C-alpha atoms as a PDB file:
ATOM      1  CA  UNK A   1      20.731  24.948  -7.209  1.00  0.00           C
ATOM      2  CA  UNK A   2      18.199  24.394  -9.737  1.00  0.00           C
ATOM      3  CA  UNK A   3      14.425  25.015  -9.163  1.00  0.00           C
ATOM      4  CA  UNK A   4      11.947  22.572  -8.958  1.00  0.00           C
ATOM      5  CA  UNK A   5       9.226  22.632 -11.116  1.00  0.00           C
ATOM      6  CA  UNK A   6       5.569  20.831 -11.334  1.00  0.00           C
ATOM      7  CA  UNK A   7       5.736  17.511 -13.684  1.00  0.00           C
ATOM      8  CA  UNK A   8       3.388  17.798 -16.542  1.00  0.00           C
ATOM      9  CA  UNK A   9      -0.387  16.417 -16.691  1.00  0.00           C
ATOM     10  CA  UNK A  10       0.333  13.254 -18.540  1.00  0.00           C
ATOM     11  CA  UNK A  11      -0.800  13.308 -22.250  1.00  0.00           C
ATOM     12  CA  UNK A  12      -1.682   9.465 -22.392  1.00  0.00           C
ATOM     13  CA  UNK A  13      -5.135   8.652 -20.708  1.00  0.00           C
ATOM     14  CA  UNK A  14      -5.180   5.691 -17.295  1.00  0.00           C
ATOM     15  CA  UNK A  15      -5.465   2.240 -18.629  1.00  0.00           C
ATOM     16  CA  UNK A  16      -7.723   0.424 -16.047  1.00  0.00           C
ATOM     17  CA  UNK A  17      -7.478   2.856 -13.536  1.00  0.00           C
ATOM     18  CA  UNK A  18      -3.730   2.567 -13.692  1.00  0.00           C
ATOM     19  CA  UNK A  19      -1.629   6.028 -14.539  1.00  0.00           C
ATOM     20  CA  UNK A  20       0.989   5.940 -17.224  1.00  0.00           C
ATOM     21  CA  UNK A  21       4.488   5.649 -16.488  1.00  0.00           C
ATOM     22  CA  UNK A  22       6.590   9.318 -16.494  1.00  0.00           C
ATOM     23  CA  UNK A  23      10.021   9.112 -16.684  1.00  0.00           C
ATOM     24  CA  UNK A  24      12.179  12.291 -16.383  1.00  0.00           C
ATOM     25  CA  UNK A  25      15.199  12.227 -18.014  1.00  0.00           C
ATOM     26  CA  UNK A  26      18.349  12.825 -15.430  1.00  0.00           C
ATOM     27  CA  UNK A  27      20.221  16.284 -14.972  1.00  0.00           C
ATOM     28  CA  UNK A  28      23.066  13.820 -13.633  1.00  0.00           C
ATOM     29  CA  UNK A  29      23.976  11.773 -17.014  1.00  0.00           C
ATOM     30  CA  UNK A  30      24.588  11.797 -20.102  1.00  0.00           C
ATOM     31  CA  UNK A  31      23.411   9.801 -23.221  1.00  0.00           C
ATOM     32  CA  UNK A  32      23.526  10.673 -26.733  1.00  0.00           C
ATOM     33  CA  UNK A  33      19.853   9.825 -27.620  1.00  0.00           C
ATOM     34  CA  UNK A  34      16.795   9.051 -25.446  1.00  0.00           C
ATOM     35  CA  UNK A  35      16.757   5.023 -26.724  1.00  0.00           C
ATOM     36  CA  UNK A  36      20.258   4.399 -25.023  1.00  0.00           C
ATOM     37  CA  UNK A  37      19.137   6.101 -21.986  1.00  0.00           C
ATOM     38  CA  UNK A  38      15.643   3.975 -21.603  1.00  0.00           C
ATOM     39  CA  UNK A  39      17.273   0.838 -23.104  1.00  0.00           C
ATOM     40  CA  UNK A  40      19.737   0.778 -19.699  1.00  0.00           C
ATOM     41  CA  UNK A  41      17.256   2.478 -17.303  1.00  0.00           C
ATOM     42  CA  UNK A  42      14.640  -0.511 -18.363  1.00  0.00           C
ATOM     43  CA  UNK A  43      16.809  -3.530 -18.796  1.00  0.00           C
ATOM     44  CA  UNK A  44      14.724  -6.056 -16.697  1.00  0.00           C
ATOM     45  CA  UNK A  45      11.545  -5.431 -19.322  1.00  0.00           C
ATOM     46  CA  UNK A  46      13.308  -7.983 -21.440  1.00  0.00           C
ATOM     47  CA  UNK A  47      15.832  -7.768 -24.649  1.00  0.00           C
ATOM     48  CA  UNK A  48      13.785  -5.791 -27.346  1.00  0.00           C
ATOM     49  CA  UNK A  49      10.972  -4.499 -25.754  1.00  0.00           C
ATOM     50  CA  UNK A  50      11.706  -0.857 -25.354  1.00  0.00           C
ATOM     51  CA  UNK A  51      13.210  -0.878 -28.660  1.00  0.00           C
ATOM     52  CA  UNK A  52      10.081  -1.738 -30.086  1.00  0.00           C
ATOM     53  CA  UNK A  53       7.863   0.430 -27.792  1.00  0.00           C
ATOM     54  CA  UNK A  54      10.218   3.425 -29.462  1.00  0.00           C
ATOM     55  CA  UNK A  55       9.559   2.130 -32.973  1.00  0.00           C
ATOM     56  CA  UNK A  56       6.150   1.773 -32.374  1.00  0.00           C
ATOM     57  CA  UNK A  57       5.565   5.279 -31.145  1.00  0.00           C
ATOM     58  CA  UNK A  58       4.487   4.354 -27.513  1.00  0.00           C
ATOM     59  CA  UNK A  59       7.058   6.532 -26.073  1.00  0.00           C
ATOM     60  CA  UNK A  60       5.657  10.291 -25.830  1.00  0.00           C
ATOM     61  CA  UNK A  61       6.627  13.432 -24.616  1.00  0.00           C
ATOM     62  CA  UNK A  62       4.710  15.923 -22.497  1.00  0.00           C
ATOM     63  CA  UNK A  63       3.203  17.371 -25.665  1.00  0.00           C
ATOM     64  CA  UNK A  64       1.576  13.432 -26.591  1.00  0.00           C
ATOM     65  CA  UNK A  65       4.552  13.414 -29.445  1.00  0.00           C
ATOM     66  CA  UNK A  66       6.074   9.948 -30.257  1.00  0.00           C
ATOM     67  CA  UNK A  67       9.602   9.594 -28.932  1.00  0.00           C
ATOM     68  CA  UNK A  68      11.899   7.789 -31.850  1.00  0.00           C
ATOM     69  CA  UNK A  69      15.175   5.639 -30.113  1.00  0.00           C
ATOM     70  CA  UNK A  70      17.557   8.044 -32.205  1.00  0.00           C
ATOM     71  CA  UNK A  71      16.112  11.609 -30.624  1.00  0.00           C
ATOM     72  CA  UNK A  72      19.229  13.380 -29.135  1.00  0.00           C
ATOM     73  CA  UNK A  73      18.738  12.935 -25.067  1.00  0.00           C
ATOM     74  CA  UNK A  74      17.646  15.880 -23.009  1.00  0.00           C
ATOM     75  CA  UNK A  75      18.276  15.920 -19.942  1.00  0.00           C
ATOM     76  CA  UNK A  76      14.689  17.440 -17.851  1.00  0.00           C
ATOM     77  CA  UNK A  77      12.609  16.385 -20.178  1.00  0.00           C
ATOM     78  CA  UNK A  78       9.510  13.923 -19.408  1.00  0.00           C
ATOM     79  CA  UNK A  79       8.464  11.163 -21.702  1.00  0.00           C
ATOM     80  CA  UNK A  80       5.817   8.916 -20.808  1.00  0.00           C
ATOM     81  CA  UNK A  81       4.399   5.120 -21.396  1.00  0.00           C
ATOM     82  CA  UNK A  82       2.007   2.526 -20.472  1.00  0.00           C
ATOM     83  CA  UNK A  83       3.774  -0.234 -18.951  1.00  0.00           C
ATOM     84  CA  UNK A  84       2.759  -3.706 -19.728  1.00  0.00           C
ATOM     85  CA  UNK A  85      -0.150  -5.364 -17.861  1.00  0.00           C
ATOM     86  CA  UNK A  86       0.435  -8.835 -17.021  1.00  0.00           C
ATOM     87  CA  UNK A  87      -2.491 -11.176 -16.259  1.00  0.00           C
ATOM     88  CA  UNK A  88      -3.482 -10.849 -12.329  1.00  0.00           C
ATOM     89  CA  UNK A  89      -5.355 -13.364 -10.471  1.00  0.00           C
ATOM     90  CA  UNK A  90      -8.308 -11.694  -9.842  1.00  0.00           C
ATOM     91  CA  UNK A  91      -8.750 -11.265  -5.845  1.00  0.00           C
ATOM     92  CA  UNK A  92     -12.662 -12.254  -5.360  1.00  0.00           C
ATOM     93  CA  UNK A  93     -14.168  -9.940  -2.029  1.00  0.00           C
ATOM     94  CA  UNK A  94     -15.191  -6.748  -2.120  1.00  0.00           C
ATOM     95  CA  UNK A  95     -14.520  -3.305  -1.829  1.00  0.00           C
ATOM     96  CA  UNK A  96     -16.833  -1.724   0.485  1.00  0.00           C
ATOM     97  CA  UNK A  97     -16.981   1.783   0.910  1.00  0.00           C
ATOM     98  CA  UNK A  98     -17.447   3.315   4.216  1.00  0.00           C
ATOM     99  CA  UNK A  99     -17.544   6.974   3.630  1.00  0.00           C
ATOM    100  CA  UNK A 100     -17.841   9.280   0.449  1.00  0.00           C
ATOM    101  CA  UNK A 101     -18.108  12.298  -0.062  1.00  0.00           C
ATOM    102  CA  UNK A 102     -16.090  15.418  -2.246  1.00  0.00           C
ATOM    103  CA  UNK A 103     -13.347  15.155  -0.846  1.00  0.00           C
ATOM    104  CA  UNK A 104     -12.557  11.411   0.396  1.00  0.00           C
ATOM    105  CA  UNK A 105     -13.219   8.018  -0.256  1.00  0.00           C
ATOM    106  CA  UNK A 106     -12.930   5.754   2.459  1.00  0.00           C
ATOM    107  CA  UNK A 107     -12.855   2.364   1.516  1.00  0.00           C
ATOM    108  CA  UNK A 108     -12.845  -1.250   3.753  1.00  0.00           C
ATOM    109  CA  UNK A 109     -10.416  -3.035   2.241  1.00  0.00           C
ATOM    110  CA  UNK A 110     -10.299  -6.940   2.189  1.00  0.00           C
ATOM    111  CA  UNK A 111      -7.190  -9.352   2.291  1.00  0.00           C
ATOM    112  CA  UNK A 112      -4.660  -9.925  -0.267  1.00  0.00           C
ATOM    113  CA  UNK A 113      -5.553  -6.641  -2.324  1.00  0.00           C
ATOM    114  CA  UNK A 114      -3.045  -3.942  -2.681  1.00  0.00           C
ATOM    115  CA  UNK A 115      -3.597  -0.250  -1.904  1.00  0.00           C
ATOM    116  CA  UNK A 116      -1.401   0.690  -4.727  1.00  0.00           C
ATOM    117  CA  UNK A 117      -0.252  -0.174  -7.986  1.00  0.00           C
ATOM    118  CA  UNK A 118       3.303  -2.152  -6.310  1.00  0.00           C
ATOM    119  CA  UNK A 119       5.535  -4.665  -8.271  1.00  0.00           C
ATOM    120  CA  UNK A 120       3.401  -7.432  -9.480  1.00  0.00           C
ATOM    121  CA  UNK A 121      -0.154  -6.271  -8.325  1.00  0.00           C
ATOM    122  CA  UNK A 122      -0.910  -3.362 -10.394  1.00  0.00           C
ATOM    123  CA  UNK A 123      -4.950  -3.380 -11.996  1.00  0.00           C
ATOM    124  CA  UNK A 124      -5.416  -5.698  -8.753  1.00  0.00           C
ATOM    125  CA  UNK A 125      -5.377  -2.934  -6.466  1.00  0.00           C
ATOM    126  CA  UNK A 126      -7.553  -0.911  -4.216  1.00  0.00           C
ATOM    127  CA  UNK A 127      -6.823   2.316  -6.266  1.00  0.00           C
ATOM    128  CA  UNK A 128      -7.457   1.149  -9.244  1.00  0.00           C
ATOM    129  CA  UNK A 129     -10.783  -0.777  -8.436  1.00  0.00           C
ATOM    130  CA  UNK A 130     -11.819   2.488  -6.980  1.00  0.00           C
ATOM    131  CA  UNK A 131     -10.950   4.621 -10.169  1.00  0.00           C
ATOM    132  CA  UNK A 132     -12.856   2.197 -12.433  1.00  0.00           C
ATOM    133  CA  UNK A 133     -15.878   1.578 -10.381  1.00  0.00           C
ATOM    134  CA  UNK A 134     -16.100   5.233  -9.122  1.00  0.00           C
ATOM    135  CA  UNK A 135     -15.168   6.485 -12.296  1.00  0.00           C
ATOM    136  CA  UNK A 136     -12.860   9.154 -10.316  1.00  0.00           C
ATOM    137  CA  UNK A 137      -9.429   9.153 -12.166  1.00  0.00           C
ATOM    138  CA  UNK A 138      -7.536  11.083 -10.000  1.00  0.00           C
ATOM    139  CA  UNK A 139      -8.004   9.486  -7.081  1.00  0.00           C
ATOM    140  CA  UNK A 140      -5.542   9.620  -4.894  1.00  0.00           C
ATOM    141  CA  UNK A 141      -4.180   7.302  -1.888  1.00  0.00           C
ATOM    142  CA  UNK A 142      -3.196   9.331   1.340  1.00  0.00           C
ATOM    143  CA  UNK A 143      -1.413   6.322   2.951  1.00  0.00           C
ATOM    144  CA  UNK A 144      -1.265   2.550   2.776  1.00  0.00           C
ATOM    145  CA  UNK A 145      -2.363  -1.124   4.278  1.00  0.00           C
ATOM    146  CA  UNK A 146      -0.246  -3.816   3.591  1.00  0.00           C
ATOM    147  CA  UNK A 147      -1.854  -6.020   0.946  1.00  0.00           C
ATOM    148  CA  UNK A 148      -2.267  -8.794   3.510  1.00  0.00           C
ATOM    149  CA  UNK A 149      -3.717  -6.322   5.684  1.00  0.00           C
ATOM    150  CA  UNK A 150      -7.856  -5.834   5.837  1.00  0.00           C
ATOM    151  CA  UNK A 151      -9.382  -2.241   6.821  1.00  0.00           C
ATOM    152  CA  UNK A 152      -9.985   0.921   6.401  1.00  0.00           C
ATOM    153  CA  UNK A 153      -7.671   2.925   3.499  1.00  0.00           C
ATOM    154  CA  UNK A 154      -8.460   7.294   2.706  1.00  0.00           C
ATOM    155  CA  UNK A 155      -8.652   8.075  -0.614  1.00  0.00           C
ATOM    156  CA  UNK A 156      -8.697  11.518  -1.631  1.00  0.00           C
ATOM    157  CA  UNK A 157     -10.573  13.017  -4.524  1.00  0.00           C
ATOM    158  CA  UNK A 158      -8.941  15.987  -5.648  1.00  0.00           C
ATOM    159  CA  UNK A 159      -5.419  15.987  -6.428  1.00  0.00           C
ATOM    160  CA  UNK A 160      -4.574  19.403  -4.897  1.00  0.00           C
ATOM    161  CA  UNK A 161      -6.019  18.733  -1.245  1.00  0.00           C
ATOM    162  CA  UNK A 162      -4.075  15.130  -1.378  1.00  0.00           C
ATOM    163  CA  UNK A 163      -1.347  16.748   0.814  1.00  0.00           C
ATOM    164  CA  UNK A 164      -3.486  18.004   3.390  1.00  0.00           C
ATOM    165  CA  UNK A 165      -4.659  14.338   4.175  1.00  0.00           C
ATOM    166  CA  UNK A 166      -1.333  13.311   3.745  1.00  0.00           C
ATOM    167  CA  UNK A 167       0.423  15.159   6.355  1.00  0.00           C
ATOM    168  CA  UNK A 168      -2.146  14.127   8.297  1.00  0.00           C
ATOM    169  CA  UNK A 169      -0.699  11.030   8.867  1.00  0.00           C
ATOM    170  CA  UNK A 170       2.731  12.135   8.707  1.00  0.00           C
ATOM    171  CA  UNK A 171       1.882  14.105  11.566  1.00  0.00           C
ATOM    172  CA  UNK A 172       0.446  11.406  13.580  1.00  0.00           C
ATOM    173  CA  UNK A 173      -3.066  13.344  13.964  1.00  0.00           C
ATOM    174  CA  UNK A 174      -5.008  10.075  12.883  1.00  0.00           C
ATOM    175  CA  UNK A 175      -5.863   7.900  15.475  1.00  0.00           C
ATOM    176  CA  UNK A 176      -6.092   4.580  14.383  1.00  0.00           C
ATOM    177  CA  UNK A 177      -7.357   1.534  15.617  1.00  0.00           C
ATOM    178  CA  UNK A 178      -6.100  -2.292  14.740  1.00  0.00           C
ATOM    179  CA  UNK A 179      -7.733  -5.744  16.048  1.00  0.00           C
ATOM    180  CA  UNK A 180      -5.857  -8.940  15.704  1.00  0.00           C
ATOM    181  CA  UNK A 181      -6.395 -12.279  16.547  1.00  0.00           C
ATOM    182  CA  UNK A 182      -3.738 -13.901  18.319  1.00  0.00           C
ATOM    183  CA  UNK A 183      -2.449 -16.558  20.605  1.00  0.00           C
ATOM    184  CA  UNK A 184      -3.434 -16.320  24.063  1.00  0.00           C
ATOM    185  CA  UNK A 185      -0.568 -15.806  26.731  1.00  0.00           C
ATOM    186  CA  UNK A 186      -1.220 -16.113  30.600  1.00  0.00           C
ATOM    187  CA  UNK A 187       1.990 -14.938  31.344  1.00  0.00           C
ATOM    188  CA  UNK A 188       1.783 -11.567  29.098  1.00  0.00           C
ATOM    189  CA  UNK A 189       0.856  -8.401  31.064  1.00  0.00           C
ATOM    190  CA  UNK A 190      -1.518  -6.320  28.871  1.00  0.00           C
ATOM    191  CA  UNK A 191      -2.236  -3.655  28.600  1.00  0.00           C
ATOM    192  CA  UNK A 192       1.544  -2.424  27.867  1.00  0.00           C
ATOM    193  CA  UNK A 193       3.098  -0.061  25.159  1.00  0.00           C
ATOM    194  CA  UNK A 194       5.657  -1.681  23.408  1.00  0.00           C
ATOM    195  CA  UNK A 195       8.578   0.598  22.312  1.00  0.00           C
ATOM    196  CA  UNK A 196      11.646  -0.203  19.788  1.00  0.00           C
ATOM    197  CA  UNK A 197      13.636   0.637  16.787  1.00  0.00           C
ATOM    198  CA  UNK A 198      12.441  -1.184  13.509  1.00  0.00           C
ATOM    199  CA  UNK A 199      14.700  -1.069  10.699  1.00  0.00           C
ATOM    200  CA  UNK A 200      13.309  -2.349   7.199  1.00  0.00           C
ATOM    201  CA  UNK A 201      15.599  -2.973   4.586  1.00  0.00           C
ATOM    202  CA  UNK A 202      14.839  -2.895   1.085  1.00  0.00           C
ATOM    203  CA  UNK A 203      14.471  -6.193  -0.717  1.00  0.00           C
ATOM    204  CA  UNK A 204      14.513  -7.626   3.150  1.00  0.00           C
ATOM    205  CA  UNK A 205      10.745  -9.573   3.377  1.00  0.00           C
ATOM    206  CA  UNK A 206      10.922  -8.866   7.290  1.00  0.00           C
ATOM    207  CA  UNK A 207      11.924  -5.812   9.297  1.00  0.00           C
ATOM    208  CA  UNK A 208      13.750  -6.510  12.512  1.00  0.00           C
ATOM    209  CA  UNK A 209      14.198  -4.647  16.182  1.00  0.00           C
ATOM    210  CA  UNK A 210      17.784  -3.382  16.360  1.00  0.00           C
ATOM    211  CA  UNK A 211      19.465  -1.348  19.366  1.00  0.00           C
ATOM    212  CA  UNK A 212      18.944   2.514  19.529  1.00  0.00           C
ATOM    213  CA  UNK A 213      16.186   5.134  19.837  1.00  0.00           C
ATOM    214  CA  UNK A 214      12.688   3.708  19.687  1.00  0.00           C
ATOM    215  CA  UNK A 215      10.835   5.131  16.479  1.00  0.00           C
ATOM    216  CA  UNK A 216       7.868   2.570  17.100  1.00  0.00           C
ATOM    217  CA  UNK A 217       5.649   2.452  19.603  1.00  0.00           C
ATOM    218  CA  UNK A 218       2.286   0.456  20.138  1.00  0.00           C
ATOM    219  CA  UNK A 219      -0.327   0.209  22.488  1.00  0.00           C
ATOM    220  CA  UNK A 220      -1.570  -3.542  23.184  1.00  0.00           C
ATOM    221  CA  UNK A 221      -4.806  -4.512  24.767  1.00  0.00           C
ATOM    222  CA  UNK A 222      -6.319  -7.833  25.336  1.00  0.00           C
ATOM    223  CA  UNK A 223     -10.085  -7.451  24.685  1.00  0.00           C
ATOM    224  CA  UNK A 224     -11.114 -10.901  25.250  1.00  0.00           C
ATOM    225  CA  UNK A 225      -9.955 -14.387  25.399  1.00  0.00           C
ATOM    226  CA  UNK A 226     -11.576 -17.495  24.137  1.00  0.00           C
ATOM    227  CA  UNK A 227      -9.580 -20.527  24.471  1.00  0.00           C
ATOM    228  CA  UNK A 228      -6.049 -20.275  23.639  1.00  0.00           C
ATOM    229  CA  UNK A 229      -6.725 -17.580  21.043  1.00  0.00           C
ATOM    230  CA  UNK A 230      -6.951 -13.482  22.806  1.00  0.00           C
ATOM    231  CA  UNK A 231      -8.801 -10.582  20.577  1.00  0.00           C
ATOM    232  CA  UNK A 232      -6.078  -7.528  20.917  1.00  0.00           C
ATOM    233  CA  UNK A 233      -6.735  -4.144  20.237  1.00  0.00           C
ATOM    234  CA  UNK A 234      -3.838  -2.527  19.171  1.00  0.00           C
ATOM    235  CA  UNK A 235      -3.068   1.182  18.888  1.00  0.00           C
ATOM    236  CA  UNK A 236       0.065   2.324  16.959  1.00  0.00           C
ATOM    237  CA  UNK A 237       1.278   5.765  17.879  1.00  0.00           C
ATOM    238  CA  UNK A 238       3.883   5.449  15.386  1.00  0.00           C
ATOM    239  CA  UNK A 239       3.742   4.261  11.669  1.00  0.00           C
ATOM    240  CA  UNK A 240       6.908   1.720  10.819  1.00  0.00           C
ATOM    241  CA  UNK A 241       6.424  -1.090   8.313  1.00  0.00           C
ATOM    242  CA  UNK A 242       5.061  -4.074   9.732  1.00  0.00           C
ATOM    243  CA  UNK A 243       4.950  -2.314  12.886  1.00  0.00           C
ATOM    244  CA  UNK A 244       2.111  -4.343  14.708  1.00  0.00           C
ATOM    245  CA  UNK A 245       3.338  -7.601  13.252  1.00  0.00           C
ATOM    246  CA  UNK A 246       6.963  -6.834  14.389  1.00  0.00           C
ATOM    247  CA  UNK A 247       5.685  -5.932  18.010  1.00  0.00           C
ATOM    248  CA  UNK A 248       2.980  -9.025  18.126  1.00  0.00           C
ATOM    249  CA  UNK A 249       5.867 -11.472  17.565  1.00  0.00           C
ATOM    250  CA  UNK A 250       8.356  -9.644  19.579  1.00  0.00           C
ATOM    251  CA  UNK A 251       5.543 -10.377  22.834  1.00  0.00           C
ATOM    252  CA  UNK A 252       5.754 -13.610  22.085  1.00  0.00           C
ATOM    253  CA  UNK A 253       1.860 -13.482  20.190  1.00  0.00           C
ATOM    254  CA  UNK A 254       2.468 -13.549  16.742  1.00  0.00           C
ATOM    255  CA  UNK A 255      -0.795 -12.688  14.821  1.00  0.00           C
ATOM    256  CA  UNK A 256      -2.401 -15.434  13.053  1.00  0.00           C
ATOM    257  CA  UNK A 257      -2.039 -15.862   9.947  1.00  0.00           C
ATOM    258  CA  UNK A 258       1.607 -14.355   9.392  1.00  0.00           C
ATOM    259  CA  UNK A 259       3.997 -15.545   6.750  1.00  0.00           C
ATOM    260  CA  UNK A 260       6.836 -13.256   7.931  1.00  0.00           C
ATOM    261  CA  UNK A 261       6.704 -13.423  12.218  1.00  0.00           C
ATOM    262  CA  UNK A 262       8.507 -14.649  13.762  1.00  0.00           C
ATOM    263  CA  UNK A 263       9.637 -16.915  10.864  1.00  0.00           C
ATOM    264  CA  UNK A 264       9.701 -16.159   7.051  1.00  0.00           C
ATOM    265  CA  UNK A 265       8.067 -19.008   5.281  1.00  0.00           C
ATOM    266  CA  UNK A 266       7.785 -17.427   2.111  1.00  0.00           C
ATOM    267  CA  UNK A 267       5.328 -15.083   0.336  1.00  0.00           C
ATOM    268  CA  UNK A 268       1.557 -16.042   0.246  1.00  0.00           C
ATOM    269  CA  UNK A 269       1.021 -17.411  -3.448  1.00  0.00           C
ATOM    270  CA  UNK A 270      -1.160 -15.204  -6.155  1.00  0.00           C
ATOM    271  CA  UNK A 271      -4.732 -17.344  -5.878  1.00  0.00           C
ATOM    272  CA  UNK A 272      -4.087 -18.648  -2.203  1.00  0.00           C
ATOM    273  CA  UNK A 273      -6.647 -17.075  -0.383  1.00  0.00           C
ATOM    274  CA  UNK A 274      -6.630 -19.270   2.539  1.00  0.00           C
ATOM    275  CA  UNK A 275      -5.639 -18.594   6.220  1.00  0.00           C
ATOM    276  CA  UNK A 276      -5.791 -14.469   5.730  1.00  0.00           C
ATOM    277  CA  UNK A 277      -3.632 -12.939   8.120  1.00  0.00           C
ATOM    278  CA  UNK A 278      -5.906 -11.591  11.249  1.00  0.00           C
ATOM    279  CA  UNK A 279      -4.832  -8.218  10.935  1.00  0.00           C
ATOM    280  CA  UNK A 280      -7.928  -5.439  10.694  1.00  0.00           C
ATOM    281  CA  UNK A 281      -7.663  -1.665  10.293  1.00  0.00           C
ATOM    282  CA  UNK A 282     -10.546  -1.428  12.721  1.00  0.00           C
ATOM    283  CA  UNK A 283     -10.864   2.397  13.303  1.00  0.00           C
ATOM    284  CA  UNK A 284      -9.990   5.945  11.670  1.00  0.00           C
ATOM    285  CA  UNK A 285     -10.894   9.205  13.674  1.00  0.00           C
ATOM    286  CA  UNK A 286      -9.706  12.939  12.339  1.00  0.00           C
ATOM    287  CA  UNK A 287     -10.076  15.882  12.314  1.00  0.00           C
ATOM    288  CA  UNK A 288     -10.969  16.938   8.058  1.00  0.00           C
ATOM    289  CA  UNK A 289      -8.309  19.589   7.122  1.00  0.00           C
ATOM    290  CA  UNK A 290     -10.244  20.632   4.718  1.00  0.00           C
ATOM    291  CA  UNK A 291     -13.953  20.865   5.716  1.00  0.00           C
ATOM    292  CA  UNK A 292     -13.231  20.503   9.602  1.00  0.00           C
ATOM    293  CA  UNK A 293     -15.917  17.547   9.780  1.00  0.00           C
ATOM    294  CA  UNK A 294     -14.872  14.999  12.694  1.00  0.00           C
ATOM    295  CA  UNK A 295     -14.954  11.573  11.289  1.00  0.00           C
ATOM    296  CA  UNK A 296     -15.487   8.538  13.147  1.00  0.00           C
ATOM    297  CA  UNK A 297     -14.991   5.846  10.925  1.00  0.00           C
ATOM    298  CA  UNK A 298     -15.127   1.790  11.718  1.00  0.00           C
ATOM    299  CA  UNK A 299     -14.844  -1.130   9.452  1.00  0.00           C
ATOM    300  CA  UNK A 300     -17.250  -3.549   9.080  1.00  0.00           C
ATOM    301  CA  UNK A 301     -15.370  -6.538   8.470  1.00  0.00           C
ATOM    302  CA  UNK A 302     -14.709  -9.351  11.255  1.00  0.00           C
ATOM    303  CA  UNK A 303     -11.700 -11.876  11.622  1.00  0.00           C
ATOM    304  CA  UNK A 304     -13.024 -15.202  11.053  1.00  0.00           C
ATOM    305  CA  UNK A 305     -10.219 -16.863  13.223  1.00  0.00           C
ATOM    306  CA  UNK A 306     -11.948 -15.389  16.609  1.00  0.00           C
ATOM    307  CA  UNK A 307     -16.140 -16.970  15.253  1.00  0.00           C
ATOM    308  CA  UNK A 308     -14.663 -20.478  13.969  1.00  0.00           C
ATOM    309  CA  UNK A 309     -10.809 -21.049  14.219  1.00  0.00           C
ATOM    310  CA  UNK A 310     -11.181 -24.133  11.755  1.00  0.00           C
ATOM    311  CA  UNK A 311     -13.507 -21.978   9.271  1.00  0.00           C
ATOM    312  CA  UNK A 312     -10.753 -19.748   8.906  1.00  0.00           C
ATOM    313  CA  UNK A 313      -7.974 -22.188   8.878  1.00  0.00           C
ATOM    314  CA  UNK A 314     -10.281 -24.296   6.354  1.00  0.00           C
ATOM    315  CA  UNK A 315     -11.951 -21.899   3.529  1.00  0.00           C
ATOM    316  CA  UNK A 316     -10.771 -19.703   1.044  1.00  0.00           C
ATOM    317  CA  UNK A 317     -11.905 -16.348   2.015  1.00  0.00           C
ATOM    318  CA  UNK A 318     -10.520 -12.875   2.591  1.00  0.00           C
END
């Protein structure tokens, strides 16, 4: 068995708060040259793009030395380069800080802002923005919120401590409380605990419930009713993808502004900030695994559909 070794630090600096791409040449494959492998691996970059990067010295090894296309393939070797960052539509809403110390940054994320670089959202993400604004290049995320969900997200200042905070979430030692605005159904008995098995398949936008042992559990409570709308408190005891959205839809009260549940209506176009999903990560409570401090953090955001349905449905706001 090949011993796992730590990846070397990147010799390239961040750009706009975004790390360079790191690739390790796999042991399971054999190629004549580095160029041949990269052209195949990065085929989606477009004709001639990888070749131009290699010719221009933009691909480097762990020592910062440019790697030529004809360099012999060497399994296990690390390569680094900056991805091309196409223009992104700015998310025009503030990213507030609710807590900051030597170990943690807890941000109050707006709707429409992705947590970490992924897909077409790279520079316009909470992580990249915080790295730039706070000048903490090594900042990392301990967990994620969906791009369409607003509220509290925890980031770790010191890379060596990131695992301890991530374990808090994987071991379910963080109490998370969400708020949602959804239709009021007088026939729906709440509070109630919803348990089901949720499957999220790669490449399929929406998750779905299937038969089998439950892997998702949510406590659903009605906090307040206002006409045909209800304000719900959602307490997840597990962390499946889209869990709260799936469970609310299954109860017949889908969260307002949801483009996936109960019916997939297509992705919200970039730049369209109307009718944000009315789901908010309201509270985080946990014992700090590094300092032992008891944290009880609360989002300062509000869900606009509760204050004025017409205002939410008609204005551009996150």
